[in-house]
Amino acid sequence: TTPFLLLSSACFAKSSTRFHRWFCSTKLYENNLKSFVET
């Protein structure tokens, strides 16, 4: 899960601020990536 979500986050960050914000607010992001990205 984690590598694909990291790639997704990077692609959203480079392509669309709006979709990146949306992705960062999803449960999938919060449950799998949030702690890794923050710490």
Full PDB file with SEQRES, HELIX, SHEET, SSBOND, CRYST1, ORIGX, SCALE, CONECT and MASTER records, all heavy atoms in Angstrom:
SEQRES   1 A   39  THR THR PRO PHE LEU LEU LEU SER SER ALA CYS PHE ALA          
SEQRES   2 A   39  LYS SER SER THR ARG PHE HIS ARG TRP PHE CYS SER THR          
SEQRES   3 A   39  LYS LEU TYR GLU ASN ASN LEU LYS SER PHE VAL GLU THR          
HELIX    1 AA1 THR A    2  SER A   15  1                                  14    
HELIX    2 AA2 THR A   17  CYS A   24  1                                   8    
HELIX    3 AA3 LYS A   27  ASN A   32  1                                   6    
HELIX    4 AA4 LYS A   34  GLU A   38  1                                   5    
CRYST1    1.000    1.000    1.000  90.00  90.00  90.00 P 1           1          
ORIGX1      1.000000  0.000000  0.000000        0.00000                         
ORIGX2      0.000000  1.000000  0.000000        0.00000                         
ORIGX3      0.000000  0.000000  1.000000        0.00000                         
SCALE1      1.000000  0.000000  0.000000        0.00000                         
SCALE2      0.000000  1.000000  0.000000        0.00000                         
SCALE3      0.000000  0.000000  1.000000        0.00000                         
ATOM      1  N   THR A   1       0.818  -1.208   0.000  1.00  0.00           N  
ATOM      2  CA  THR A   1       0.000   0.000   0.000  1.00  0.00           C  
ATOM      3  C   THR A   1       0.854   1.260   0.000  1.00  0.00           C  
ATOM      4  O   THR A   1       0.667   2.151  -0.824  1.00  0.00           O  
ATOM      5  CB  THR A   1      -0.915   0.006   1.247  1.00  0.00           C  
ATOM      6  OG1 THR A   1      -1.693  -1.176   1.242  1.00  0.00           O  
ATOM      7  CG2 THR A   1      -1.817   1.210   1.270  1.00  0.00           C  
ATOM      8  N   THR A   2       1.789   1.342   0.926  1.00  0.00           N  
ATOM      9  CA  THR A   2       2.542   2.570   1.168  1.00  0.00           C  
ATOM     10  C   THR A   2       3.286   3.098  -0.058  1.00  0.00           C  
ATOM     11  O   THR A   2       3.172   4.290  -0.364  1.00  0.00           O  
ATOM     12  CB  THR A   2       3.507   2.380   2.354  1.00  0.00           C  
ATOM     13  OG1 THR A   2       2.754   1.915   3.477  1.00  0.00           O  
ATOM     14  CG2 THR A   2       4.204   3.659   2.707  1.00  0.00           C  
ATOM     15  N   PRO A   3       4.039   2.266  -0.796  1.00  0.00           N  
ATOM     16  CA  PRO A   3       4.749   2.837  -1.948  1.00  0.00           C  
ATOM     17  C   PRO A   3       3.822   3.447  -2.998  1.00  0.00           C  
ATOM     18  O   PRO A   3       4.116   4.510  -3.548  1.00  0.00           O  
ATOM     19  CB  PRO A   3       5.503   1.645  -2.538  1.00  0.00           C  
ATOM     20  CG  PRO A   3       5.577   0.642  -1.462  1.00  0.00           C  
ATOM     21  CD  PRO A   3       4.384   0.867  -0.600  1.00  0.00           C  
ATOM     22  N   PHE A   4       2.696   2.795  -3.246  1.00  0.00           N  
ATOM     23  CA  PHE A   4       1.764   3.328  -4.246  1.00  0.00           C  
ATOM     24  C   PHE A   4       1.137   4.629  -3.764  1.00  0.00           C  
ATOM     25  O   PHE A   4       0.944   5.560  -4.546  1.00  0.00           O  
ATOM     26  CB  PHE A   4       0.679   2.306  -4.585  1.00  0.00           C  
ATOM     27  CG  PHE A   4       1.185   1.153  -5.401  1.00  0.00           C  
ATOM     28  CD1 PHE A   4       1.055  -0.144  -4.938  1.00  0.00           C  
ATOM     29  CD2 PHE A   4       1.805   1.344  -6.618  1.00  0.00           C  
ATOM     30  CE1 PHE A   4       1.530  -1.216  -5.682  1.00  0.00           C  
ATOM     31  CE2 PHE A   4       2.282   0.290  -7.371  1.00  0.00           C  
ATOM     32  CZ  PHE A   4       2.141  -0.999  -6.898  1.00  0.00           C  
ATOM     33  N   LEU A   5       0.819   4.703  -2.478  1.00  0.00           N  
ATOM     34  CA  LEU A   5       0.240   5.942  -1.961  1.00  0.00           C  
ATOM     35  C   LEU A   5       1.263   7.074  -1.938  1.00  0.00           C  
ATOM     36  O   LEU A   5       0.916   8.230  -2.183  1.00  0.00           O  
ATOM     37  CB  LEU A   5      -0.349   5.710  -0.566  1.00  0.00           C  
ATOM     38  CG  LEU A   5      -1.552   4.768  -0.520  1.00  0.00           C  
ATOM     39  CD1 LEU A   5      -2.054   4.617   0.910  1.00  0.00           C  
ATOM     40  CD2 LEU A   5      -2.672   5.239  -1.425  1.00  0.00           C  
ATOM     41  N   LEU A   6       2.524   6.747  -1.661  1.00  0.00           N  
ATOM     42  CA  LEU A   6       3.572   7.767  -1.724  1.00  0.00           C  
ATOM     43  C   LEU A   6       3.728   8.291  -3.153  1.00  0.00           C  
ATOM     44  O   LEU A   6       3.860   9.507  -3.369  1.00  0.00           O  
ATOM     45  CB  LEU A   6       4.901   7.205  -1.222  1.00  0.00           C  
ATOM     46  CG  LEU A   6       5.051   7.075   0.283  1.00  0.00           C  
ATOM     47  CD1 LEU A   6       6.310   6.297   0.629  1.00  0.00           C  
ATOM     48  CD2 LEU A   6       5.069   8.443   0.943  1.00  0.00           C  
ATOM     49  N   LEU A   7       3.712   7.383  -4.121  1.00  0.00           N  
ATOM     50  CA  LEU A   7       3.791   7.805  -5.524  1.00  0.00           C  
ATOM     51  C   LEU A   7       2.582   8.650  -5.909  1.00  0.00           C  
ATOM     52  O   LEU A   7       2.709   9.665  -6.606  1.00  0.00           O  
ATOM     53  CB  LEU A   7       3.900   6.588  -6.442  1.00  0.00           C  
ATOM     54  CG  LEU A   7       5.238   5.868  -6.429  1.00  0.00           C  
ATOM     55  CD1 LEU A   7       5.127   4.536  -7.173  1.00  0.00           C  
ATOM     56  CD2 LEU A   7       6.309   6.734  -7.061  1.00  0.00           C  
ATOM     57  N   SER A   8       1.421   8.246  -5.442  1.00  0.00           N  
ATOM     58  CA  SER A   8       0.203   9.002  -5.718  1.00  0.00           C  
ATOM     59  C   SER A   8       0.296  10.409  -5.136  1.00  0.00           C  
ATOM     60  O   SER A   8      -0.021  11.398  -5.801  1.00  0.00           O  
ATOM     61  CB  SER A   8      -1.008   8.267  -5.146  1.00  0.00           C  
ATOM     62  OG  SER A   8      -2.180   8.988  -5.386  1.00  0.00           O  
ATOM     63  N   SER A   9       0.759  10.496  -3.907  1.00  0.00           N  
ATOM     64  CA  SER A   9       0.895  11.797  -3.251  1.00  0.00           C  
ATOM     65  C   SER A   9       1.874  12.691  -4.010  1.00  0.00           C  
ATOM     66  O   SER A   9       1.612  13.878  -4.219  1.00  0.00           O  
ATOM     67  CB  SER A   9       1.363  11.603  -1.812  1.00  0.00           C  
ATOM     68  OG  SER A   9       1.511  12.834  -1.169  1.00  0.00           O  
ATOM     69  N   ALA A  10       3.003  12.126  -4.431  1.00  0.00           N  
ATOM     70  CA  ALA A  10       3.990  12.906  -5.181  1.00  0.00           C  
ATOM     71  C   ALA A  10       3.417  13.389  -6.508  1.00  0.00           C  
ATOM     72  O   ALA A  10       3.628  14.548  -6.906  1.00  0.00           O  
ATOM     73  CB  ALA A  10       5.239  12.072  -5.415  1.00  0.00           C  
ATOM     74  N   CYS A  11       2.694  12.520  -7.205  1.00  0.00           N  
ATOM     75  CA  CYS A  11       2.106  12.915  -8.494  1.00  0.00           C  
ATOM     76  C   CYS A  11       1.029  13.982  -8.306  1.00  0.00           C  
ATOM     77  O   CYS A  11       0.945  14.928  -9.097  1.00  0.00           O  
ATOM     78  CB  CYS A  11       1.529  11.690  -9.211  1.00  0.00           C  
ATOM     79  SG  CYS A  11       2.782  10.558  -9.835  1.00  0.00           S  
ATOM     80  N   PHE A  12       0.203  13.841  -7.265  1.00  0.00           N  
ATOM     81  CA  PHE A  12      -0.803  14.869  -6.995  1.00  0.00           C  
ATOM     82  C   PHE A  12      -0.134  16.199  -6.660  1.00  0.00           C  
ATOM     83  O   PHE A  12      -0.578  17.255  -7.103  1.00  0.00           O  
ATOM     84  CB  PHE A  12      -1.724  14.465  -5.833  1.00  0.00           C  
ATOM     85  CG  PHE A  12      -2.861  13.578  -6.235  1.00  0.00           C  
ATOM     86  CD1 PHE A  12      -3.154  12.434  -5.500  1.00  0.00           C  
ATOM     87  CD2 PHE A  12      -3.662  13.872  -7.318  1.00  0.00           C  
ATOM     88  CE1 PHE A  12      -4.207  11.611  -5.852  1.00  0.00           C  
ATOM     89  CE2 PHE A  12      -4.719  13.059  -7.684  1.00  0.00           C  
ATOM     90  CZ  PHE A  12      -5.001  11.923  -6.946  1.00  0.00           C  
ATOM     91  N   ALA A  13       0.949  16.164  -5.874  1.00  0.00           N  
ATOM     92  CA  ALA A  13       1.643  17.391  -5.482  1.00  0.00           C  
ATOM     93  C   ALA A  13       2.204  18.131  -6.699  1.00  0.00           C  
ATOM     94  O   ALA A  13       2.199  19.364  -6.743  1.00  0.00           O  
ATOM     95  CB  ALA A  13       2.757  17.077  -4.497  1.00  0.00           C  
ATOM     96  N   LYS A  14       2.679  17.376  -7.682  1.00  0.00           N  
ATOM     97  CA  LYS A  14       3.254  17.988  -8.887  1.00  0.00           C  
ATOM     98  C   LYS A  14       2.204  18.405  -9.904  1.00  0.00           C  
ATOM     99  O   LYS A  14       2.453  19.269 -10.734  1.00  0.00           O  
ATOM    100  CB  LYS A  14       4.222  17.010  -9.569  1.00  0.00           C  
ATOM    101  CG  LYS A  14       5.394  16.629  -8.726  1.00  0.00           C  
ATOM    102  CD  LYS A  14       6.494  17.619  -8.900  1.00  0.00           C  
ATOM    103  CE  LYS A  14       7.726  17.130  -8.155  1.00  0.00           C  
ATOM    104  NZ  LYS A  14       8.775  18.096  -8.144  1.00  0.00           N  
ATOM    105  N   SER A  15       1.015  17.783  -9.850  1.00  0.00           N  
ATOM    106  CA  SER A  15       0.030  18.042 -10.898  1.00  0.00           C  
ATOM    107  C   SER A  15      -1.102  18.974 -10.479  1.00  0.00           C  
ATOM    108  O   SER A  15      -1.559  19.771 -11.297  1.00  0.00           O  
ATOM    109  CB  SER A  15      -0.566  16.727 -11.402  1.00  0.00           C  
ATOM    110  OG  SER A  15      -1.322  16.100 -10.387  1.00  0.00           O  
ATOM    111  N   SER A  16      -1.554  18.875  -9.230  1.00  0.00           N  
ATOM    112  CA  SER A  16      -2.728  19.654  -8.843  1.00  0.00           C  
ATOM    113  C   SER A  16      -2.751  19.882  -7.327  1.00  0.00           C  
ATOM    114  O   SER A  16      -2.859  18.931  -6.554  1.00  0.00           O  
ATOM    115  CB  SER A  16      -4.005  18.920  -9.265  1.00  0.00           C  
ATOM    116  OG  SER A  16      -5.141  19.522  -8.701  1.00  0.00           O  
ATOM    117  N   THR A  17      -2.688  21.136  -6.931  1.00  0.00           N  
ATOM    118  CA  THR A  17      -2.749  21.481  -5.504  1.00  0.00           C  
ATOM    119  C   THR A  17      -4.091  21.063  -4.919  1.00  0.00           C  
ATOM    120  O   THR A  17      -4.159  20.557  -3.799  1.00  0.00           O  
ATOM    121  CB  THR A  17      -2.547  22.999  -5.314  1.00  0.00           C  
ATOM    122  OG1 THR A  17      -1.328  23.363  -5.947  1.00  0.00           O  
ATOM    123  CG2 THR A  17      -2.510  23.365  -3.857  1.00  0.00           C  
ATOM    124  N   ARG A  18      -5.140  21.273  -5.678  1.00  0.00           N  
ATOM    125  CA  ARG A  18      -6.487  20.942  -5.210  1.00  0.00           C  
ATOM    126  C   ARG A  18      -6.626  19.450  -4.926  1.00  0.00           C  
ATOM    127  O   ARG A  18      -7.126  19.038  -3.869  1.00  0.00           O  
ATOM    128  CB  ARG A  18      -7.505  21.363  -6.270  1.00  0.00           C  
ATOM    129  CG  ARG A  18      -8.916  21.066  -5.906  1.00  0.00           C  
ATOM    130  CD  ARG A  18      -9.868  21.647  -6.953  1.00  0.00           C  
ATOM    131  NE  ARG A  18     -11.064  20.857  -6.976  1.00  0.00           N  
ATOM    132  CZ  ARG A  18     -11.670  20.452  -8.075  1.00  0.00           C  
ATOM    133  NH1 ARG A  18     -11.199  20.785  -9.255  1.00  0.00           N  
ATOM    134  NH2 ARG A  18     -12.752  19.730  -8.015  1.00  0.00           N  
ATOM    135  N   PHE A  19      -6.172  18.578  -5.855  1.00  0.00           N  
ATOM    136  CA  PHE A  19      -6.271  17.143  -5.644  1.00  0.00           C  
ATOM    137  C   PHE A  19      -5.304  16.665  -4.561  1.00  0.00           C  
ATOM    138  O   PHE A  19      -5.586  15.705  -3.849  1.00  0.00           O  
ATOM    139  CB  PHE A  19      -6.059  16.375  -6.948  1.00  0.00           C  
ATOM    140  CG  PHE A  19      -7.295  16.313  -7.793  1.00  0.00           C  
ATOM    141  CD1 PHE A  19      -7.400  17.086  -8.932  1.00  0.00           C  
ATOM    142  CD2 PHE A  19      -8.357  15.500  -7.442  1.00  0.00           C  
ATOM    143  CE1 PHE A  19      -8.541  17.047  -9.714  1.00  0.00           C  
ATOM    144  CE2 PHE A  19      -9.503  15.456  -8.206  1.00  0.00           C  
ATOM    145  CZ  PHE A  19      -9.604  16.231  -9.348  1.00  0.00           C  
ATOM    146  N   HIS A  20      -4.180  17.322  -4.429  1.00  0.00           N  
ATOM    147  CA  HIS A  20      -3.240  16.951  -3.373  1.00  0.00           C  
ATOM    148  C   HIS A  20      -3.865  17.216  -1.999  1.00  0.00           C  
ATOM    149  O   HIS A  20      -3.763  16.394  -1.091  1.00  0.00           O  
ATOM    150  CB  HIS A  20      -1.922  17.706  -3.518  1.00  0.00           C  
ATOM    151  CG  HIS A  20      -0.869  17.214  -2.585  1.00  0.00           C  
ATOM    152  ND1 HIS A  20      -0.871  17.494  -1.244  1.00  0.00           N  
ATOM    153  CD2 HIS A  20       0.225  16.446  -2.788  1.00  0.00           C  
ATOM    154  CE1 HIS A  20       0.163  16.928  -0.662  1.00  0.00           C  
ATOM    155  NE2 HIS A  20       0.848  16.289  -1.580  1.00  0.00           N  
ATOM    156  N   ARG A  21      -4.503  18.377  -1.855  1.00  0.00           N  
ATOM    157  CA  ARG A  21      -5.206  18.678  -0.584  1.00  0.00           C  
ATOM    158  C   ARG A  21      -6.313  17.664  -0.334  1.00  0.00           C  
ATOM    159  O   ARG A  21      -6.501  17.202   0.792  1.00  0.00           O  
ATOM    160  CB  ARG A  21      -5.787  20.084  -0.622  1.00  0.00           C  
ATOM    161  CG  ARG A  21      -4.810  21.156  -0.224  1.00  0.00           C  
ATOM    162  CD  ARG A  21      -5.540  22.449  -0.025  1.00  0.00           C  
ATOM    163  NE  ARG A  21      -6.315  22.735  -1.236  1.00  0.00           N  
ATOM    164  CZ  ARG A  21      -6.217  23.820  -1.968  1.00  0.00           C  
ATOM    165  NH1 ARG A  21      -5.420  24.779  -1.612  1.00  0.00           N  
ATOM    166  NH2 ARG A  21      -6.934  23.977  -3.053  1.00  0.00           N  
ATOM    167  N   TRP A  22      -7.058  17.307  -1.382  1.00  0.00           N  
ATOM    168  CA  TRP A  22      -8.120  16.321  -1.234  1.00  0.00           C  
ATOM    169  C   TRP A  22      -7.531  14.977  -0.791  1.00  0.00           C  
ATOM    170  O   TRP A  22      -8.033  14.346   0.134  1.00  0.00           O  
ATOM    171  CB  TRP A  22      -8.870  16.143  -2.559  1.00  0.00           C  
ATOM    172  CG  TRP A  22      -9.714  14.911  -2.569  1.00  0.00           C  
ATOM    173  CD1 TRP A  22     -10.933  14.742  -1.979  1.00  0.00           C  
ATOM    174  CD2 TRP A  22      -9.375  13.653  -3.158  1.00  0.00           C  
ATOM    175  NE1 TRP A  22     -11.376  13.450  -2.180  1.00  0.00           N  
ATOM    176  CE2 TRP A  22     -10.442  12.763  -2.894  1.00  0.00           C  
ATOM    177  CE3 TRP A  22      -8.280  13.187  -3.880  1.00  0.00           C  
ATOM    178  CZ2 TRP A  22     -10.439  11.447  -3.331  1.00  0.00           C  
ATOM    179  CZ3 TRP A  22      -8.276  11.882  -4.315  1.00  0.00           C  
ATOM    180  CH2 TRP A  22      -9.342  11.030  -4.041  1.00  0.00           C  
ATOM    181  N   PHE A  23      -6.463  14.544  -1.461  1.00  0.00           N  
ATOM    182  CA  PHE A  23      -5.840  13.265  -1.132  1.00  0.00           C  
ATOM    183  C   PHE A  23      -5.349  13.251   0.313  1.00  0.00           C  
ATOM    184  O   PHE A  23      -5.533  12.270   1.032  1.00  0.00           O  
ATOM    185  CB  PHE A  23      -4.688  12.976  -2.096  1.00  0.00           C  
ATOM    186  CG  PHE A  23      -3.934  11.724  -1.766  1.00  0.00           C  
ATOM    187  CD1 PHE A  23      -4.547  10.487  -1.886  1.00  0.00           C  
ATOM    188  CD2 PHE A  23      -2.628  11.776  -1.322  1.00  0.00           C  
ATOM    189  CE1 PHE A  23      -3.863   9.320  -1.572  1.00  0.00           C  
ATOM    190  CE2 PHE A  23      -1.936  10.623  -1.014  1.00  0.00           C  
ATOM    191  CZ  PHE A  23      -2.556   9.386  -1.127  1.00  0.00           C  
ATOM    192  N   CYS A  24      -4.763  14.342   0.775  1.00  0.00           N  
ATOM    193  CA  CYS A  24      -4.244  14.414   2.143  1.00  0.00           C  
ATOM    194  C   CYS A  24      -5.357  14.419   3.184  1.00  0.00           C  
ATOM    195  O   CYS A  24      -5.098  14.190   4.366  1.00  0.00           O  
ATOM    196  CB  CYS A  24      -3.366  15.650   2.318  1.00  0.00           C  
ATOM    197  SG  CYS A  24      -1.799  15.524   1.417  1.00  0.00           S  
ATOM    198  N   SER A  25      -6.582  14.663   2.767  1.00  0.00           N  
ATOM    199  CA  SER A  25      -7.696  14.655   3.710  1.00  0.00           C  
ATOM    200  C   SER A  25      -8.442  13.315   3.734  1.00  0.00           C  
ATOM    201  O   SER A  25      -9.360  13.145   4.537  1.00  0.00           O  
ATOM    202  CB  SER A  25      -8.679  15.779   3.374  1.00  0.00           C  
ATOM    203  OG  SER A  25      -9.343  15.492   2.148  1.00  0.00           O  
ATOM    204  N   THR A  26      -8.052  12.375   2.889  1.00  0.00           N  
ATOM    205  CA  THR A  26      -8.741  11.090   2.847  1.00  0.00           C  
ATOM    206  C   THR A  26      -8.292  10.175   3.992  1.00  0.00           C  
ATOM    207  O   THR A  26      -7.190  10.308   4.522  1.00  0.00           O  
ATOM    208  CB  THR A  26      -8.492  10.352   1.511  1.00  0.00           C  
ATOM    209  OG1 THR A  26      -7.102  10.055   1.408  1.00  0.00           O  
ATOM    210  CG2 THR A  26      -8.959  11.173   0.326  1.00  0.00           C  
ATOM    211  N   LYS A  27      -9.145   9.241   4.367  1.00  0.00           N  
ATOM    212  CA  LYS A  27      -8.805   8.258   5.405  1.00  0.00           C  
ATOM    213  C   LYS A  27      -7.653   7.364   4.953  1.00  0.00           C  
ATOM    214  O   LYS A  27      -6.840   6.944   5.766  1.00  0.00           O  
ATOM    215  CB  LYS A  27     -10.026   7.379   5.734  1.00  0.00           C  
ATOM    216  CG  LYS A  27     -11.083   8.091   6.512  1.00  0.00           C  
ATOM    217  CD  LYS A  27     -10.639   8.253   7.938  1.00  0.00           C  
ATOM    218  CE  LYS A  27     -11.772   8.848   8.740  1.00  0.00           C  
ATOM    219  NZ  LYS A  27     -11.314   9.390   9.998  1.00  0.00           N  
ATOM    220  N   LEU A  28      -7.592   7.058   3.679  1.00  0.00           N  
ATOM    221  CA  LEU A  28      -6.516   6.221   3.154  1.00  0.00           C  
ATOM    222  C   LEU A  28      -5.157   6.869   3.432  1.00  0.00           C  
ATOM    223  O   LEU A  28      -4.219   6.217   3.880  1.00  0.00           O  
ATOM    224  CB  LEU A  28      -6.717   6.008   1.652  1.00  0.00           C  
ATOM    225  CG  LEU A  28      -5.948   4.906   0.976  1.00  0.00           C  
ATOM    226  CD1 LEU A  28      -6.248   3.555   1.607  1.00  0.00           C  
ATOM    227  CD2 LEU A  28      -6.286   4.868  -0.499  1.00  0.00           C  
ATOM    228  N   TYR A  29      -5.066   8.169   3.198  1.00  0.00           N  
ATOM    229  CA  TYR A  29      -3.829   8.905   3.481  1.00  0.00           C  
ATOM    230  C   TYR A  29      -3.559   8.950   4.981  1.00  0.00           C  
ATOM    231  O   TYR A  29      -2.453   8.672   5.437  1.00  0.00           O  
ATOM    232  CB  TYR A  29      -3.925  10.321   2.920  1.00  0.00           C  
ATOM    233  CG  TYR A  29      -2.732  11.186   3.259  1.00  0.00           C  
ATOM    234  CD1 TYR A  29      -1.596  11.169   2.472  1.00  0.00           C  
ATOM    235  CD2 TYR A  29      -2.747  12.015   4.372  1.00  0.00           C  
ATOM    236  CE1 TYR A  29      -0.495  11.956   2.772  1.00  0.00           C  
ATOM    237  CE2 TYR A  29      -1.651  12.805   4.685  1.00  0.00           C  
ATOM    238  CZ  TYR A  29      -0.542  12.767   3.889  1.00  0.00           C  
ATOM    239  OH  TYR A  29       0.554  13.537   4.206  1.00  0.00           O  
ATOM    240  N   GLU A  30      -4.582   9.307   5.751  1.00  0.00           N  
ATOM    241  CA  GLU A  30      -4.404   9.454   7.194  1.00  0.00           C  
ATOM    242  C   GLU A  30      -4.011   8.136   7.852  1.00  0.00           C  
ATOM    243  O   GLU A  30      -3.184   8.123   8.761  1.00  0.00           O  
ATOM    244  CB  GLU A  30      -5.672  10.013   7.827  1.00  0.00           C  
ATOM    245  CG  GLU A  30      -5.903  11.474   7.475  1.00  0.00           C  
ATOM    246  CD  GLU A  30      -7.193  12.017   8.043  1.00  0.00           C  
ATOM    247  OE1 GLU A  30      -7.889  11.304   8.796  1.00  0.00           O  
ATOM    248  OE2 GLU A  30      -7.521  13.176   7.727  1.00  0.00           O  
ATOM    249  N   ASN A  31      -4.585   7.041   7.411  1.00  0.00           N  
ATOM    250  CA  ASN A  31      -4.290   5.740   8.028  1.00  0.00           C  
ATOM    251  C   ASN A  31      -2.947   5.156   7.600  1.00  0.00           C  
ATOM    252  O   ASN A  31      -2.350   4.386   8.343  1.00  0.00           O  
ATOM    253  CB  ASN A  31      -5.395   4.737   7.708  1.00  0.00           C  
ATOM    254  CG  ASN A  31      -6.701   5.092   8.365  1.00  0.00           C  
ATOM    255  OD1 ASN A  31      -6.744   5.838   9.322  1.00  0.00           O  
ATOM    256  ND2 ASN A  31      -7.779   4.560   7.838  1.00  0.00           N  
ATOM    257  N   ASN A  32      -2.478   5.479   6.406  1.00  0.00           N  
ATOM    258  CA  ASN A  32      -1.297   4.821   5.871  1.00  0.00           C  
ATOM    259  C   ASN A  32      -0.068   5.704   5.715  1.00  0.00           C  
ATOM    260  O   ASN A  32       1.056   5.192   5.772  1.00  0.00           O  
ATOM    261  CB  ASN A  32      -1.613   4.181   4.512  1.00  0.00           C  
ATOM    262  CG  ASN A  32      -2.603   3.059   4.640  1.00  0.00           C  
ATOM    263  OD1 ASN A  32      -2.264   1.995   5.130  1.00  0.00           O  
ATOM    264  ND2 ASN A  32      -3.837   3.290   4.238  1.00  0.00           N  
ATOM    265  N   LEU A  33      -0.239   6.991   5.494  1.00  0.00           N  
ATOM    266  CA  LEU A  33       0.909   7.842   5.182  1.00  0.00           C  
ATOM    267  C   LEU A  33       1.149   9.002   6.126  1.00  0.00           C  
ATOM    268  O   LEU A  33       2.287   9.458   6.246  1.00  0.00           O  
ATOM    269  CB  LEU A  33       0.754   8.437   3.775  1.00  0.00           C  
ATOM    270  CG  LEU A  33       0.923   7.519   2.598  1.00  0.00           C  
ATOM    271  CD1 LEU A  33       0.788   8.305   1.313  1.00  0.00           C  
ATOM    272  CD2 LEU A  33       2.252   6.828   2.638  1.00  0.00           C  
ATOM    273  N   LYS A  34       0.128   9.492   6.776  1.00  0.00           N  
ATOM    274  CA  LYS A  34       0.238  10.740   7.526  1.00  0.00           C  
ATOM    275  C   LYS A  34       1.389  10.708   8.534  1.00  0.00           C  
ATOM    276  O   LYS A  34       2.222  11.615   8.569  1.00  0.00           O  
ATOM    277  CB  LYS A  34      -1.074  11.052   8.232  1.00  0.00           C  
ATOM    278  CG  LYS A  34      -1.074  12.405   8.883  1.00  0.00           C  
ATOM    279  CD  LYS A  34      -2.426  12.718   9.467  1.00  0.00           C  
ATOM    280  CE  LYS A  34      -2.409  14.107  10.087  1.00  0.00           C  
ATOM    281  NZ  LYS A  34      -3.707  14.467  10.620  1.00  0.00           N  
ATOM    282  N   SER A  35       1.464   9.683   9.345  1.00  0.00           N  
ATOM    283  CA  SER A  35       2.514   9.636  10.369  1.00  0.00           C  
ATOM    284  C   SER A  35       3.895   9.537   9.722  1.00  0.00           C  
ATOM    285  O   SER A  35       4.858  10.128  10.202  1.00  0.00           O  
ATOM    286  CB  SER A  35       2.291   8.480  11.332  1.00  0.00           C  
ATOM    287  OG  SER A  35       2.410   7.242  10.669  1.00  0.00           O  
ATOM    288  N   PHE A  36       4.000   8.787   8.626  1.00  0.00           N  
ATOM    289  CA  PHE A  36       5.294   8.664   7.949  1.00  0.00           C  
ATOM    290  C   PHE A  36       5.724   9.994   7.344  1.00  0.00           C  
ATOM    291  O   PHE A  36       6.873  10.396   7.463  1.00  0.00           O  
ATOM    292  CB  PHE A  36       5.247   7.589   6.867  1.00  0.00           C  
ATOM    293  CG  PHE A  36       6.546   7.437   6.135  1.00  0.00           C  
ATOM    294  CD1 PHE A  36       7.607   6.782   6.720  1.00  0.00           C  
ATOM    295  CD2 PHE A  36       6.710   7.969   4.871  1.00  0.00           C  
ATOM    296  CE1 PHE A  36       8.822   6.655   6.059  1.00  0.00           C  
ATOM    297  CE2 PHE A  36       7.910   7.852   4.203  1.00  0.00           C  
ATOM    298  CZ  PHE A  36       8.971   7.187   4.796  1.00  0.00           C  
ATOM    299  N   VAL A  37       4.802  10.695   6.708  1.00  0.00           N  
ATOM    300  CA  VAL A  37       5.134  11.971   6.071  1.00  0.00           C  
ATOM    301  C   VAL A  37       5.507  13.010   7.123  1.00  0.00           C  
ATOM    302  O   VAL A  37       6.453  13.771   6.948  1.00  0.00           O  
ATOM    303  CB  VAL A  37       3.956  12.454   5.194  1.00  0.00           C  
ATOM    304  CG1 VAL A  37       4.159  13.877   4.721  1.00  0.00           C  
ATOM    305  CG2 VAL A  37       3.766  11.525   4.014  1.00  0.00           C  
ATOM    306  N   GLU A  38       4.785  13.032   8.246  1.00  0.00           N  
ATOM    307  CA  GLU A  38       5.046  14.038   9.275  1.00  0.00           C  
ATOM    308  C   GLU A  38       6.326  13.765  10.056  1.00  0.00           C  
ATOM    309  O   GLU A  38       7.046  14.683  10.419  1.00  0.00           O  
ATOM    310  CB  GLU A  38       3.861  14.119  10.239  1.00  0.00           C  
ATOM    311  CG  GLU A  38       2.634  14.731   9.616  1.00  0.00           C  
ATOM    312  CD  GLU A  38       1.427  14.696  10.525  1.00  0.00           C  
ATOM    313  OE1 GLU A  38       1.497  14.087  11.616  1.00  0.00           O  
ATOM    314  OE2 GLU A  38       0.400  15.266  10.140  1.00  0.00           O  
ATOM    315  N   THR A  39       6.621  12.495  10.336  1.00  0.00           N  
ATOM    316  CA  THR A  39       7.753  12.177  11.216  1.00  0.00           C  
ATOM    317  C   THR A  39       8.912  11.510  10.494  1.00  0.00           C  
ATOM    318  O   THR A  39       9.969  11.333  11.095  1.00  0.00           O  
ATOM    319  CB  THR A  39       7.297  11.233  12.347  1.00  0.00           C  
ATOM    320  OG1 THR A  39       6.842  10.010  11.773  1.00  0.00           O  
ATOM    321  CG2 THR A  39       6.217  11.862  13.188  1.00  0.00           C  
TER     322      THR A  39                                                      
MASTER        0    0    0    4    0    0    0    6  321    1    0    3          
END                                                                             
